[in-house]
Amino acid sequence: CRLVAVDGSAYASAYGLGPLAAKLCAHSQLDDAQMKDLLGDDALTT
């Protein structure tokens, strides 16, 4: 394992995430489209 310090404040502010979720998304460097995909509902499209 490698310990990593992550600043999740930008994700917490932009997407209303708590500290665990914000740091996780920041570590993965998810972009805005991915974040909207992650946090969207489960309404199916066709």
ModelCIF file with pLDDT and N, C-alpha, C, O atoms, coordinates in Angstrom:
data_MODEL
#
_entry.id   MODEL 
#
_entity.id                         1 
_entity.type                       polymer 
_entity.pdbx_number_of_molecules   1 
#
_entity_poly.entity_id                      1 
_entity_poly.type                           'polypeptide(L)' 
_entity_poly.nstd_linkage                   no 
_entity_poly.nstd_monomer                   no 
_entity_poly.pdbx_seq_one_letter_code       CRLVAVDGSAYASAYGLGPLAAKLCAHSQLDDAQMKDLLGDDALTT 
_entity_poly.pdbx_seq_one_letter_code_can   CRLVAVDGSAYASAYGLGPLAAKLCAHSQLDDAQMKDLLGDDALTT 
_entity_poly.pdbx_strand_id                 A 
#
loop_
_entity_poly_seq.entity_id 
_entity_poly_seq.num 
_entity_poly_seq.mon_id 
_entity_poly_seq.hetero 
1 1  CYS n 
1 2  ARG n 
1 3  LEU n 
1 4  VAL n 
1 5  ALA n 
1 6  VAL n 
1 7  ASP n 
1 8  GLY n 
1 9  SER n 
1 10 ALA n 
1 11 TYR n 
1 12 ALA n 
1 13 SER n 
1 14 ALA n 
1 15 TYR n 
1 16 GLY n 
1 17 LEU n 
1 18 GLY n 
1 19 PRO n 
1 20 LEU n 
1 21 ALA n 
1 22 ALA n 
1 23 LYS n 
1 24 LEU n 
1 25 CYS n 
1 26 ALA n 
1 27 HIS n 
1 28 SER n 
1 29 GLN n 
1 30 LEU n 
1 31 ASP n 
1 32 ASP n 
1 33 ALA n 
1 34 GLN n 
1 35 MET n 
1 36 LYS n 
1 37 ASP n 
1 38 LEU n 
1 39 LEU n 
1 40 GLY n 
1 41 ASP n 
1 42 ASP n 
1 43 ALA n 
1 44 LEU n 
1 45 THR n 
1 46 THR n 
#
_struct_asym.id          A 
_struct_asym.entity_id   1 
#
loop_
_ma_qa_metric.id 
_ma_qa_metric.mode 
_ma_qa_metric.name 
_ma_qa_metric.software_group_id 
_ma_qa_metric.type 
1 global pLDDT . pLDDT 
2 local  pLDDT . pLDDT 
#
_ma_qa_metric_global.metric_id      1 
_ma_qa_metric_global.metric_value   95.07 
_ma_qa_metric_global.model_id       1 
_ma_qa_metric_global.ordinal_id     1 
#
loop_
_ma_qa_metric_local.label_asym_id 
_ma_qa_metric_local.label_comp_id 
_ma_qa_metric_local.label_seq_id 
_ma_qa_metric_local.metric_id 
_ma_qa_metric_local.metric_value 
_ma_qa_metric_local.model_id 
_ma_qa_metric_local.ordinal_id 
A CYS 1  2 91.00 1 1  
A ARG 2  2 94.00 1 2  
A LEU 3  2 96.00 1 3  
A VAL 4  2 96.00 1 4  
A ALA 5  2 97.00 1 5  
A VAL 6  2 96.00 1 6  
A ASP 7  2 97.00 1 7  
A GLY 8  2 96.00 1 8  
A SER 9  2 97.00 1 9  
A ALA 10 2 97.00 1 10 
A TYR 11 2 97.00 1 11 
A ALA 12 2 97.00 1 12 
A SER 13 2 97.00 1 13 
A ALA 14 2 97.00 1 14 
A TYR 15 2 96.00 1 15 
A GLY 16 2 95.00 1 16 
A LEU 17 2 96.00 1 17 
A GLY 18 2 95.00 1 18 
A PRO 19 2 96.00 1 19 
A LEU 20 2 96.00 1 20 
A ALA 21 2 96.00 1 21 
A ALA 22 2 97.00 1 22 
A LYS 23 2 96.00 1 23 
A LEU 24 2 96.00 1 24 
A CYS 25 2 96.00 1 25 
A ALA 26 2 96.00 1 26 
A HIS 27 2 96.00 1 27 
A SER 28 2 94.00 1 28 
A GLN 29 2 95.00 1 29 
A LEU 30 2 96.00 1 30 
A ASP 31 2 96.00 1 31 
A ASP 32 2 96.00 1 32 
A ALA 33 2 95.00 1 33 
A GLN 34 2 95.00 1 34 
A MET 35 2 96.00 1 35 
A LYS 36 2 94.00 1 36 
A ASP 37 2 94.00 1 37 
A LEU 38 2 94.00 1 38 
A LEU 39 2 94.00 1 39 
A GLY 40 2 89.00 1 40 
A ASP 41 2 84.00 1 41 
A ASP 42 2 83.00 1 42 
A ALA 43 2 94.00 1 43 
A LEU 44 2 97.00 1 44 
A THR 45 2 97.00 1 45 
A THR 46 2 98.00 1 46 
#
loop_
_atom_site.group_PDB 
_atom_site.id 
_atom_site.type_symbol 
_atom_site.label_atom_id 
_atom_site.label_alt_id 
_atom_site.label_comp_id 
_atom_site.label_asym_id 
_atom_site.label_entity_id 
_atom_site.label_seq_id 
_atom_site.pdbx_PDB_ins_code 
_atom_site.Cartn_x 
_atom_site.Cartn_y 
_atom_site.Cartn_z 
_atom_site.occupancy 
_atom_site.B_iso_or_equiv 
_atom_site.pdbx_formal_charge 
_atom_site.auth_seq_id 
_atom_site.auth_comp_id 
_atom_site.auth_asym_id 
_atom_site.auth_atom_id 
_atom_site.pdbx_PDB_model_num 
ATOM 1   N N  . CYS A 1 1  ? 0.821   -1.207 0.000   1.00 91.00 ? 1  CYS A N  1 
ATOM 2   C CA . CYS A 1 1  ? 0.000   0.000  0.000   1.00 91.00 ? 1  CYS A CA 1 
ATOM 3   C C  . CYS A 1 1  ? 0.853   1.254  0.000   1.00 91.00 ? 1  CYS A C  1 
ATOM 4   O O  . CYS A 1 1  ? 1.981   1.265  0.492   1.00 91.00 ? 1  CYS A O  1 
ATOM 5   N N  . ARG A 1 2  ? 0.285   2.308  -0.563  1.00 94.00 ? 2  ARG A N  1 
ATOM 6   C CA . ARG A 1 2  ? 0.914   3.615  -0.586  1.00 94.00 ? 2  ARG A CA 1 
ATOM 7   C C  . ARG A 1 2  ? -0.076  4.613  0.017   1.00 94.00 ? 2  ARG A C  1 
ATOM 8   O O  . ARG A 1 2  ? -1.201  4.738  -0.466  1.00 94.00 ? 2  ARG A O  1 
ATOM 9   N N  . LEU A 1 3  ? 0.334   5.317  1.059   1.00 96.00 ? 3  LEU A N  1 
ATOM 10  C CA . LEU A 1 3  ? -0.538  6.297  1.687   1.00 96.00 ? 3  LEU A CA 1 
ATOM 11  C C  . LEU A 1 3  ? -0.568  7.566  0.845   1.00 96.00 ? 3  LEU A C  1 
ATOM 12  O O  . LEU A 1 3  ? 0.472   8.072  0.424   1.00 96.00 ? 3  LEU A O  1 
ATOM 13  N N  . VAL A 1 4  ? -1.776  8.073  0.606   1.00 96.00 ? 4  VAL A N  1 
ATOM 14  C CA . VAL A 1 4  ? -1.918  9.288  -0.197  1.00 96.00 ? 4  VAL A CA 1 
ATOM 15  C C  . VAL A 1 4  ? -2.797  10.289 0.547   1.00 96.00 ? 4  VAL A C  1 
ATOM 16  O O  . VAL A 1 4  ? -3.858  9.942  1.066   1.00 96.00 ? 4  VAL A O  1 
ATOM 17  N N  . ALA A 1 5  ? -2.341  11.516 0.589   1.00 97.00 ? 5  ALA A N  1 
ATOM 18  C CA . ALA A 1 5  ? -3.121  12.602 1.171   1.00 97.00 ? 5  ALA A CA 1 
ATOM 19  C C  . ALA A 1 5  ? -3.890  13.296 0.049   1.00 97.00 ? 5  ALA A C  1 
ATOM 20  O O  . ALA A 1 5  ? -3.308  13.675 -0.967  1.00 97.00 ? 5  ALA A O  1 
ATOM 21  N N  . VAL A 1 6  ? -5.173  13.457 0.233   1.00 96.00 ? 6  VAL A N  1 
ATOM 22  C CA . VAL A 1 6  ? -6.034  13.991 -0.821  1.00 96.00 ? 6  VAL A CA 1 
ATOM 23  C C  . VAL A 1 6  ? -6.837  15.165 -0.277  1.00 96.00 ? 6  VAL A C  1 
ATOM 24  O O  . VAL A 1 6  ? -7.378  15.100 0.826   1.00 96.00 ? 6  VAL A O  1 
ATOM 25  N N  . ASP A 1 7  ? -6.909  16.227 -1.052  1.00 97.00 ? 7  ASP A N  1 
ATOM 26  C CA . ASP A 1 7  ? -7.748  17.365 -0.712  1.00 97.00 ? 7  ASP A CA 1 
ATOM 27  C C  . ASP A 1 7  ? -9.063  17.230 -1.474  1.00 97.00 ? 7  ASP A C  1 
ATOM 28  O O  . ASP A 1 7  ? -9.096  17.395 -2.694  1.00 97.00 ? 7  ASP A O  1 
ATOM 29  N N  . GLY A 1 8  ? -10.120 16.938 -0.774  1.00 96.00 ? 8  GLY A N  1 
ATOM 30  C CA . GLY A 1 8  ? -11.417 16.741 -1.421  1.00 96.00 ? 8  GLY A CA 1 
ATOM 31  C C  . GLY A 1 8  ? -12.323 17.947 -1.340  1.00 96.00 ? 8  GLY A C  1 
ATOM 32  O O  . GLY A 1 8  ? -13.502 17.852 -1.681  1.00 96.00 ? 8  GLY A O  1 
ATOM 33  N N  . SER A 1 9  ? -11.804 19.080 -0.896  1.00 97.00 ? 9  SER A N  1 
ATOM 34  C CA . SER A 1 9  ? -12.660 20.245 -0.641  1.00 97.00 ? 9  SER A CA 1 
ATOM 35  C C  . SER A 1 9  ? -13.373 20.745 -1.899  1.00 97.00 ? 9  SER A C  1 
ATOM 36  O O  . SER A 1 9  ? -14.525 21.171 -1.829  1.00 97.00 ? 9  SER A O  1 
ATOM 37  N N  . ALA A 1 10 ? -12.696 20.694 -3.041  1.00 97.00 ? 10 ALA A N  1 
ATOM 38  C CA . ALA A 1 10 ? -13.321 21.183 -4.274  1.00 97.00 ? 10 ALA A CA 1 
ATOM 39  C C  . ALA A 1 10 ? -14.515 20.317 -4.658  1.00 97.00 ? 10 ALA A C  1 
ATOM 40  O O  . ALA A 1 10 ? -15.550 20.834 -5.080  1.00 97.00 ? 10 ALA A O  1 
ATOM 41  N N  . TYR A 1 11 ? -14.375 19.007 -4.513  1.00 97.00 ? 11 TYR A N  1 
ATOM 42  C CA . TYR A 1 11 ? -15.483 18.095 -4.834  1.00 97.00 ? 11 TYR A CA 1 
ATOM 43  C C  . TYR A 1 11 ? -16.598 18.218 -3.806  1.00 97.00 ? 11 TYR A C  1 
ATOM 44  O O  . TYR A 1 11 ? -17.777 18.145 -4.152  1.00 97.00 ? 11 TYR A O  1 
ATOM 45  N N  . ALA A 1 12 ? -16.224 18.406 -2.536  1.00 97.00 ? 12 ALA A N  1 
ATOM 46  C CA . ALA A 1 12 ? -17.232 18.577 -1.491  1.00 97.00 ? 12 ALA A CA 1 
ATOM 47  C C  . ALA A 1 12 ? -18.079 19.815 -1.771  1.00 97.00 ? 12 ALA A C  1 
ATOM 48  O O  . ALA A 1 12 ? -19.298 19.793 -1.602  1.00 97.00 ? 12 ALA A O  1 
ATOM 49  N N  . SER A 1 13 ? -17.425 20.894 -2.198  1.00 97.00 ? 13 SER A N  1 
ATOM 50  C CA . SER A 1 13 ? -18.126 22.142 -2.476  1.00 97.00 ? 13 SER A CA 1 
ATOM 51  C C  . SER A 1 13 ? -18.963 22.061 -3.752  1.00 97.00 ? 13 SER A C  1 
ATOM 52  O O  . SER A 1 13 ? -20.110 22.505 -3.776  1.00 97.00 ? 13 SER A O  1 
ATOM 53  N N  . ALA A 1 14 ? -18.386 21.495 -4.807  1.00 97.00 ? 14 ALA A N  1 
ATOM 54  C CA . ALA A 1 14 ? -19.068 21.478 -6.105  1.00 97.00 ? 14 ALA A CA 1 
ATOM 55  C C  . ALA A 1 14 ? -20.244 20.507 -6.144  1.00 97.00 ? 14 ALA A C  1 
ATOM 56  O O  . ALA A 1 14 ? -21.244 20.768 -6.813  1.00 97.00 ? 14 ALA A O  1 
ATOM 57  N N  . TYR A 1 15 ? -20.126 19.391 -5.431  1.00 96.00 ? 15 TYR A N  1 
ATOM 58  C CA . TYR A 1 15 ? -21.137 18.335 -5.564  1.00 96.00 ? 15 TYR A CA 1 
ATOM 59  C C  . TYR A 1 15 ? -21.821 17.976 -4.252  1.00 96.00 ? 15 TYR A C  1 
ATOM 60  O O  . TYR A 1 15 ? -22.596 17.021 -4.191  1.00 96.00 ? 15 TYR A O  1 
ATOM 61  N N  . GLY A 1 16 ? -21.532 18.748 -3.191  1.00 95.00 ? 16 GLY A N  1 
ATOM 62  C CA . GLY A 1 16 ? -22.200 18.502 -1.925  1.00 95.00 ? 16 GLY A CA 1 
ATOM 63  C C  . GLY A 1 16 ? -21.875 17.165 -1.305  1.00 95.00 ? 16 GLY A C  1 
ATOM 64  O O  . GLY A 1 16 ? -22.746 16.519 -0.721  1.00 95.00 ? 16 GLY A O  1 
ATOM 65  N N  . LEU A 1 17 ? -20.634 16.742 -1.425  1.00 96.00 ? 17 LEU A N  1 
ATOM 66  C CA . LEU A 1 17 ? -20.220 15.439 -0.938  1.00 96.00 ? 17 LEU A CA 1 
ATOM 67  C C  . LEU A 1 17 ? -19.620 15.530 0.456   1.00 96.00 ? 17 LEU A C  1 
ATOM 68  O O  . LEU A 1 17 ? -19.045 16.552 0.832   1.00 96.00 ? 17 LEU A O  1 
ATOM 69  N N  . GLY A 1 18 ? -19.759 14.452 1.215   1.00 95.00 ? 18 GLY A N  1 
ATOM 70  C CA . GLY A 1 18 ? -19.105 14.340 2.506   1.00 95.00 ? 18 GLY A CA 1 
ATOM 71  C C  . GLY A 1 18 ? -17.624 14.059 2.335   1.00 95.00 ? 18 GLY A C  1 
ATOM 72  O O  . GLY A 1 18 ? -17.156 13.892 1.209   1.00 95.00 ? 18 GLY A O  1 
ATOM 73  N N  . PRO A 1 19 ? -16.873 14.004 3.439   1.00 96.00 ? 19 PRO A N  1 
ATOM 74  C CA . PRO A 1 19 ? -15.406 13.901 3.346   1.00 96.00 ? 19 PRO A CA 1 
ATOM 75  C C  . PRO A 1 19 ? -14.909 12.619 2.690   1.00 96.00 ? 19 PRO A C  1 
ATOM 76  O O  . PRO A 1 19 ? -13.937 12.668 1.936   1.00 96.00 ? 19 PRO A O  1 
ATOM 77  N N  . LEU A 1 20 ? -15.532 11.483 2.945   1.00 96.00 ? 20 LEU A N  1 
ATOM 78  C CA . LEU A 1 20 ? -15.058 10.230 2.344   1.00 96.00 ? 20 LEU A CA 1 
ATOM 79  C C  . LEU A 1 20 ? -15.289 10.234 0.837   1.00 96.00 ? 20 LEU A C  1 
ATOM 80  O O  . LEU A 1 20 ? -14.375 9.956  0.061   1.00 96.00 ? 20 LEU A O  1 
ATOM 81  N N  . ALA A 1 21 ? -16.505 10.549 0.432   1.00 96.00 ? 21 ALA A N  1 
ATOM 82  C CA . ALA A 1 21 ? -16.842 10.558 -0.993  1.00 96.00 ? 21 ALA A CA 1 
ATOM 83  C C  . ALA A 1 21 ? -16.030 11.616 -1.743  1.00 96.00 ? 21 ALA A C  1 
ATOM 84  O O  . ALA A 1 21 ? -15.568 11.371 -2.857  1.00 96.00 ? 21 ALA A O  1 
ATOM 85  N N  . ALA A 1 22 ? -15.855 12.796 -1.130  1.00 97.00 ? 22 ALA A N  1 
ATOM 86  C CA . ALA A 1 22 ? -15.126 13.879 -1.794  1.00 97.00 ? 22 ALA A CA 1 
ATOM 87  C C  . ALA A 1 22 ? -13.666 13.493 -2.019  1.00 97.00 ? 22 ALA A C  1 
ATOM 88  O O  . ALA A 1 22 ? -13.125 13.723 -3.100  1.00 97.00 ? 22 ALA A O  1 
ATOM 89  N N  . LYS A 1 23 ? -13.027 12.910 -1.006  1.00 96.00 ? 23 LYS A N  1 
ATOM 90  C CA . LYS A 1 23 ? -11.633 12.510 -1.166  1.00 96.00 ? 23 LYS A CA 1 
ATOM 91  C C  . LYS A 1 23 ? -11.490 11.376 -2.178  1.00 96.00 ? 23 LYS A C  1 
ATOM 92  O O  . LYS A 1 23 ? -10.524 11.330 -2.940  1.00 96.00 ? 23 LYS A O  1 
ATOM 93  N N  . LEU A 1 24 ? -12.442 10.478 -2.177  1.00 96.00 ? 24 LEU A N  1 
ATOM 94  C CA . LEU A 1 24 ? -12.394 9.366  -3.122  1.00 96.00 ? 24 LEU A CA 1 
ATOM 95  C C  . LEU A 1 24 ? -12.495 9.865  -4.565  1.00 96.00 ? 24 LEU A C  1 
ATOM 96  O O  . LEU A 1 24 ? -11.736 9.426  -5.428  1.00 96.00 ? 24 LEU A O  1 
ATOM 97  N N  . CYS A 1 25 ? -13.413 10.764 -4.824  1.00 96.00 ? 25 CYS A N  1 
ATOM 98  C CA . CYS A 1 25 ? -13.572 11.299 -6.181  1.00 96.00 ? 25 CYS A CA 1 
ATOM 99  C C  . CYS A 1 25 ? -12.377 12.154 -6.583  1.00 96.00 ? 25 CYS A C  1 
ATOM 100 O O  . CYS A 1 25 ? -11.942 12.120 -7.734  1.00 96.00 ? 25 CYS A O  1 
ATOM 101 N N  . ALA A 1 26 ? -11.849 12.920 -5.633  1.00 96.00 ? 26 ALA A N  1 
ATOM 102 C CA . ALA A 1 26 ? -10.675 13.745 -5.928  1.00 96.00 ? 26 ALA A CA 1 
ATOM 103 C C  . ALA A 1 26 ? -9.475  12.873 -6.249  1.00 96.00 ? 26 ALA A C  1 
ATOM 104 O O  . ALA A 1 26 ? -8.702  13.182 -7.156  1.00 96.00 ? 26 ALA A O  1 
ATOM 105 N N  . HIS A 1 27 ? -9.315  11.776 -5.499  1.00 96.00 ? 27 HIS A N  1 
ATOM 106 C CA . HIS A 1 27 ? -8.192  10.867 -5.759  1.00 96.00 ? 27 HIS A CA 1 
ATOM 107 C C  . HIS A 1 27 ? -8.290  10.259 -7.146  1.00 96.00 ? 27 HIS A C  1 
ATOM 108 O O  . HIS A 1 27 ? -7.276  10.064 -7.816  1.00 96.00 ? 27 HIS A O  1 
ATOM 109 N N  . SER A 1 28 ? -9.507  9.958  -7.580  1.00 94.00 ? 28 SER A N  1 
ATOM 110 C CA . SER A 1 28 ? -9.715  9.353  -8.904  1.00 94.00 ? 28 SER A CA 1 
ATOM 111 C C  . SER A 1 28 ? -9.716  10.387 -10.014 1.00 94.00 ? 28 SER A C  1 
ATOM 112 O O  . SER A 1 28 ? -9.761  10.036 -11.193 1.00 94.00 ? 28 SER A O  1 
ATOM 113 N N  . GLN A 1 29 ? -9.668  11.671 -9.640  1.00 95.00 ? 29 GLN A N  1 
ATOM 114 C CA . GLN A 1 29 ? -9.621  12.777 -10.614 1.00 95.00 ? 29 GLN A CA 1 
ATOM 115 C C  . GLN A 1 29 ? -10.765 12.695 -11.624 1.00 95.00 ? 29 GLN A C  1 
ATOM 116 O O  . GLN A 1 29 ? -10.565 12.842 -12.829 1.00 95.00 ? 29 GLN A O  1 
ATOM 117 N N  . LEU A 1 30 ? -11.953 12.459 -11.105 1.00 96.00 ? 30 LEU A N  1 
ATOM 118 C CA . LEU A 1 30 ? -13.125 12.355 -11.973 1.00 96.00 ? 30 LEU A CA 1 
ATOM 119 C C  . LEU A 1 30 ? -13.509 13.733 -12.509 1.00 96.00 ? 30 LEU A C  1 
ATOM 120 O O  . LEU A 1 30 ? -13.458 14.733 -11.792 1.00 96.00 ? 30 LEU A O  1 
ATOM 121 N N  . ASP A 1 31 ? -13.891 13.764 -13.772 1.00 96.00 ? 31 ASP A N  1 
ATOM 122 C CA . ASP A 1 31 ? -14.282 15.045 -14.356 1.00 96.00 ? 31 ASP A CA 1 
ATOM 123 C C  . ASP A 1 31 ? -15.764 15.311 -14.106 1.00 96.00 ? 31 ASP A C  1 
ATOM 124 O O  . ASP A 1 31 ? -16.463 14.480 -13.525 1.00 96.00 ? 31 ASP A O  1 
ATOM 125 N N  . ASP A 1 32 ? -16.230 16.460 -14.545 1.00 96.00 ? 32 ASP A N  1 
ATOM 126 C CA . ASP A 1 32 ? -17.601 16.878 -14.258 1.00 96.00 ? 32 ASP A CA 1 
ATOM 127 C C  . ASP A 1 32 ? -18.624 15.923 -14.874 1.00 96.00 ? 32 ASP A C  1 
ATOM 128 O O  . ASP A 1 32 ? -19.646 15.623 -14.257 1.00 96.00 ? 32 ASP A O  1 
ATOM 129 N N  . ALA A 1 33 ? -18.350 15.449 -16.085 1.00 95.00 ? 33 ALA A N  1 
ATOM 130 C CA . ALA A 1 33 ? -19.279 14.523 -16.740 1.00 95.00 ? 33 ALA A CA 1 
ATOM 131 C C  . ALA A 1 33 ? -19.374 13.216 -15.958 1.00 95.00 ? 33 ALA A C  1 
ATOM 132 O O  . ALA A 1 33 ? -20.460 12.662 -15.788 1.00 95.00 ? 33 ALA A O  1 
ATOM 133 N N  . GLN A 1 34 ? -18.238 12.733 -15.488 1.00 95.00 ? 34 GLN A N  1 
ATOM 134 C CA . GLN A 1 34 ? -18.245 11.501 -14.696 1.00 95.00 ? 34 GLN A CA 1 
ATOM 135 C C  . GLN A 1 34 ? -18.980 11.703 -13.374 1.00 95.00 ? 34 GLN A C  1 
ATOM 136 O O  . GLN A 1 34 ? -19.719 10.823 -12.932 1.00 95.00 ? 34 GLN A O  1 
ATOM 137 N N  . MET A 1 35 ? -18.781 12.842 -12.754 1.00 96.00 ? 35 MET A N  1 
ATOM 138 C CA . MET A 1 35 ? -19.462 13.109 -11.487 1.00 96.00 ? 35 MET A CA 1 
ATOM 139 C C  . MET A 1 35 ? -20.977 13.169 -11.688 1.00 96.00 ? 35 MET A C  1 
ATOM 140 O O  . MET A 1 35 ? -21.734 12.637 -10.876 1.00 96.00 ? 35 MET A O  1 
ATOM 141 N N  . LYS A 1 36 ? -21.405 13.799 -12.742 1.00 94.00 ? 36 LYS A N  1 
ATOM 142 C CA . LYS A 1 36 ? -22.845 13.865 -13.005 1.00 94.00 ? 36 LYS A CA 1 
ATOM 143 C C  . LYS A 1 36 ? -23.402 12.479 -13.304 1.00 94.00 ? 36 LYS A C  1 
ATOM 144 O O  . LYS A 1 36 ? -24.537 12.166 -12.943 1.00 94.00 ? 36 LYS A O  1 
ATOM 145 N N  . ASP A 1 37 ? -22.596 11.650 -13.966 1.00 94.00 ? 37 ASP A N  1 
ATOM 146 C CA . ASP A 1 37 ? -23.003 10.277 -14.227 1.00 94.00 ? 37 ASP A CA 1 
ATOM 147 C C  . ASP A 1 37 ? -23.117 9.496  -12.914 1.00 94.00 ? 37 ASP A C  1 
ATOM 148 O O  . ASP A 1 37 ? -24.075 8.752  -12.704 1.00 94.00 ? 37 ASP A O  1 
ATOM 149 N N  . LEU A 1 38 ? -22.130 9.674  -12.041 1.00 94.00 ? 38 LEU A N  1 
ATOM 150 C CA . LEU A 1 38 ? -22.125 8.975  -10.763 1.00 94.00 ? 38 LEU A CA 1 
ATOM 151 C C  . LEU A 1 38 ? -23.319 9.356  -9.896  1.00 94.00 ? 38 LEU A C  1 
ATOM 152 O O  . LEU A 1 38 ? -23.958 8.495  -9.292  1.00 94.00 ? 38 LEU A O  1 
ATOM 153 N N  . LEU A 1 39 ? -23.610 10.634 -9.840  1.00 94.00 ? 39 LEU A N  1 
ATOM 154 C CA . LEU A 1 39 ? -24.607 11.135 -8.900  1.00 94.00 ? 39 LEU A CA 1 
ATOM 155 C C  . LEU A 1 39 ? -25.999 11.237 -9.507  1.00 94.00 ? 39 LEU A C  1 
ATOM 156 O O  . LEU A 1 39 ? -26.941 11.644 -8.827  1.00 94.00 ? 39 LEU A O  1 
ATOM 157 N N  . GLY A 1 40 ? -26.141 10.872 -10.777 1.00 89.00 ? 40 GLY A N  1 
ATOM 158 C CA . GLY A 1 40 ? -27.445 10.927 -11.423 1.00 89.00 ? 40 GLY A CA 1 
ATOM 159 C C  . GLY A 1 40 ? -28.381 9.844  -10.921 1.00 89.00 ? 40 GLY A C  1 
ATOM 160 O O  . GLY A 1 40 ? -27.972 8.948  -10.182 1.00 89.00 ? 40 GLY A O  1 
ATOM 161 N N  . ASP A 1 41 ? -29.638 9.934  -11.326 1.00 84.00 ? 41 ASP A N  1 
ATOM 162 C CA . ASP A 1 41 ? -30.602 8.928  -10.883 1.00 84.00 ? 41 ASP A CA 1 
ATOM 163 C C  . ASP A 1 41 ? -30.495 7.679  -11.753 1.00 84.00 ? 41 ASP A C  1 
ATOM 164 O O  . ASP A 1 41 ? -29.651 7.603  -12.646 1.00 84.00 ? 41 ASP A O  1 
ATOM 165 N N  . ASP A 1 42 ? -31.368 6.694  -11.480 1.00 83.00 ? 42 ASP A N  1 
ATOM 166 C CA . ASP A 1 42 ? -31.298 5.433  -12.223 1.00 83.00 ? 42 ASP A CA 1 
ATOM 167 C C  . ASP A 1 42 ? -32.396 5.339  -13.273 1.00 83.00 ? 42 ASP A C  1 
ATOM 168 O O  . ASP A 1 42 ? -32.775 4.240  -13.678 1.00 83.00 ? 42 ASP A O  1 
ATOM 169 N N  . ALA A 1 43 ? -32.910 6.484  -13.717 1.00 94.00 ? 43 ALA A N  1 
ATOM 170 C CA . ALA A 1 43 ? -33.942 6.467  -14.761 1.00 94.00 ? 43 ALA A CA 1 
ATOM 171 C C  . ALA A 1 43 ? -33.332 6.002  -16.077 1.00 94.00 ? 43 ALA A C  1 
ATOM 172 O O  . ALA A 1 43 ? -32.397 6.616  -16.591 1.00 94.00 ? 43 ALA A O  1 
ATOM 173 N N  . LEU A 1 44 ? -33.867 4.919  -16.611 1.00 97.00 ? 44 LEU A N  1 
ATOM 174 C CA . LEU A 1 44 ? -33.327 4.355  -17.839 1.00 97.00 ? 44 LEU A CA 1 
ATOM 175 C C  . LEU A 1 44 ? -33.695 5.206  -19.049 1.00 97.00 ? 44 LEU A C  1 
ATOM 176 O O  . LEU A 1 44 ? -34.726 5.879  -19.069 1.00 97.00 ? 44 LEU A O  1 
ATOM 177 N N  . THR A 1 45 ? -32.835 5.160  -20.047 1.00 97.00 ? 45 THR A N  1 
ATOM 178 C CA . THR A 1 45 ? -33.127 5.788  -21.329 1.00 97.00 ? 45 THR A CA 1 
ATOM 179 C C  . THR A 1 45 ? -33.243 4.684  -22.377 1.00 97.00 ? 45 THR A C  1 
ATOM 180 O O  . THR A 1 45 ? -33.049 3.507  -22.075 1.00 97.00 ? 45 THR A O  1 
ATOM 181 N N  . THR A 1 46 ? -33.557 5.067  -23.589 1.00 98.00 ? 46 THR A N  1 
ATOM 182 C CA . THR A 1 46 ? -33.755 4.081  -24.649 1.00 98.00 ? 46 THR A CA 1 
ATOM 183 C C  . THR A 1 46 ? -33.023 4.523  -25.904 1.00 98.00 ? 46 THR A C  1 
ATOM 184 O O  . THR A 1 46 ? -33.063 3.828  -26.919 1.00 98.00 ? 46 THR A O  1 
#
